[in-house]
Protein backbone atom coordinates (compact mmCIF):
# COMPACT_ATOMS: atom_id res chain seq x y z
CA MET A 1 -0.06 -0.08 -0.31
CA ALA A 2 1.72 3.67 -0.93
CA PHE A 3 1.68 6.09 1.39
CA VAL A 4 -0.35 8.91 1.27
CA PRO A 5 0.12 12.45 2.53
CA PHE A 6 -3.26 12.01 4.07
CA ASP A 7 -1.35 9.49 6.36
CA ALA A 8 1.79 11.49 7.31
CA LEU A 9 -0.77 14.04 8.14
CA TRP A 10 -2.46 11.93 11.12
CA LEU A 11 0.91 10.79 11.69
CA ALA A 12 1.77 14.38 12.89
CA VAL A 13 -1.40 15.19 14.87
CA ALA A 14 -0.52 11.98 16.98
CA ALA A 15 3.23 13.43 16.87
CA VAL A 16 1.99 16.71 18.41
CA LEU A 17 -0.67 15.14 20.78
CA VAL A 18 1.74 12.97 22.59
CA ALA A 19 4.53 15.58 23.09
CA SER A 20 1.94 18.02 23.55
CA ALA A 21 0.64 15.38 26.67
CA GLY A 22 4.40 14.67 27.51
CA SER A 23 5.51 18.06 28.10
CA LEU A 24 2.36 19.07 29.97
CA ALA A 25 2.68 16.46 32.24
CA ARG A 26 5.85 17.15 32.78
CA LEU A 27 5.25 21.19 33.26
CA ARG A 28 2.31 19.96 36.10
CA ALA A 29 4.77 17.31 37.93
CA HIS A 30 8.07 19.73 37.66
CA HIS A 31 6.95 23.09 37.82
CA THR A 32 3.83 23.46 38.99
CA GLY A 33 3.94 27.33 39.63
CA LEU A 34 5.05 28.18 36.02
CA TRP A 35 2.41 25.40 35.01
CA LEU A 36 -0.08 28.01 37.36
CA GLU A 37 1.23 31.04 35.73
CA LEU A 38 0.21 29.50 32.31
CA GLY A 39 -3.29 29.21 33.25
CA GLY A 40 -3.14 25.30 34.55
CA PRO A 41 -3.48 24.18 30.98
CA GLY A 42 -4.45 21.04 29.86
CA MET A 43 -5.31 18.39 27.00
CA LEU A 44 -9.22 19.39 26.87
CA PRO A 45 -10.06 22.79 25.65
CA ARG A 46 -11.62 24.55 28.59
CA GLN A 47 -9.21 26.90 28.87
CA GLY A 48 -9.37 30.00 26.92
CA VAL A 49 -7.60 31.71 24.02
CA SER A 50 -5.10 33.56 26.16
CA THR A 51 -3.84 29.95 27.78
CA CYS A 52 -2.98 28.60 24.81
CA ALA A 53 -1.48 31.72 23.64
CA ALA A 54 0.52 31.81 26.47
CA LEU A 55 2.11 28.51 26.62
CA THR A 56 2.70 28.35 22.81
CA ARG A 57 4.55 31.42 23.76
CA PHE A 58 6.78 29.57 26.16
CA TYR A 59 7.05 26.29 24.04
CA TRP A 60 8.61 28.52 21.57
CA SER A 61 10.54 30.49 24.17
CA ARG A 62 13.93 30.53 25.74
CA ARG A 63 12.22 30.11 29.14
CA VAL A 64 11.95 26.32 28.27
CA GLY A 65 15.66 25.86 28.18
CA ARG A 66 16.68 28.32 31.50
CA LEU A 67 14.39 25.53 33.74
CA GLY A 68 17.12 23.58 33.57
CA ASP A 69 14.75 20.62 32.68
CA PRO A 70 16.46 18.25 30.06
CA SER A 71 13.22 15.95 29.98
CA LEU A 72 11.09 19.00 29.56
CA SER A 73 13.49 20.06 27.22
CA ARG A 74 13.50 17.09 25.15
CA TRP A 75 9.48 17.02 25.32
CA VAL A 76 9.08 20.45 23.85
CA THR A 77 11.59 19.72 21.53
CA ALA A 78 9.82 17.45 19.75
CA LEU A 79 6.37 19.58 20.54
CA ARG A 80 7.96 22.01 18.33
CA ALA A 81 8.90 19.49 15.39
CA GLY A 82 5.82 17.70 15.23
CA GLN A 83 4.00 21.14 14.71
CA LEU A 84 6.83 22.23 12.49
CA GLY A 85 6.04 19.07 10.83
CA LEU A 86 2.32 19.08 10.71
CA VAL A 87 2.99 22.67 9.02
CA ALA A 88 4.78 20.89 6.34
CA VAL A 89 2.24 18.11 5.86
CA GLN A 90 -0.24 20.75 5.25
CA LEU A 91 1.03 22.82 3.01
CA THR A 92 2.29 19.99 0.97
CA LEU A 93 -1.39 18.78 0.98
CA LEU A 94 -2.81 22.39 -0.26
CA VAL A 95 -0.04 22.61 -2.94
CA GLN A 96 -1.03 19.04 -4.23
CA ILE A 97 -4.89 19.40 -3.82
CA LEU A 98 -4.68 23.29 -5.84
CA GLY A 99 -2.27 21.49 -8.58
CA VAL A 100 0.48 24.29 -8.25
């Protein structure tokens, strides 16, 4: 069976979800003050846009490295890579659909 671009989309979504869960669990368990500062984010969409925006800014900032937590840094690096991969797959699908 051939590899279909939609397969890559689902793989990228799964990677982002796994990395999100891992980073949130590590953040909540080992950096509770920061987790609360960010609005107590979780996997379910019960938080507002401001909480999601604060979490995204944190993930893409240098604050992650300054925490000195290698495990959290690995989770966040995986999350960043997954997000970039997801964008790349979406752009590839768009180009294929448009036939450009």
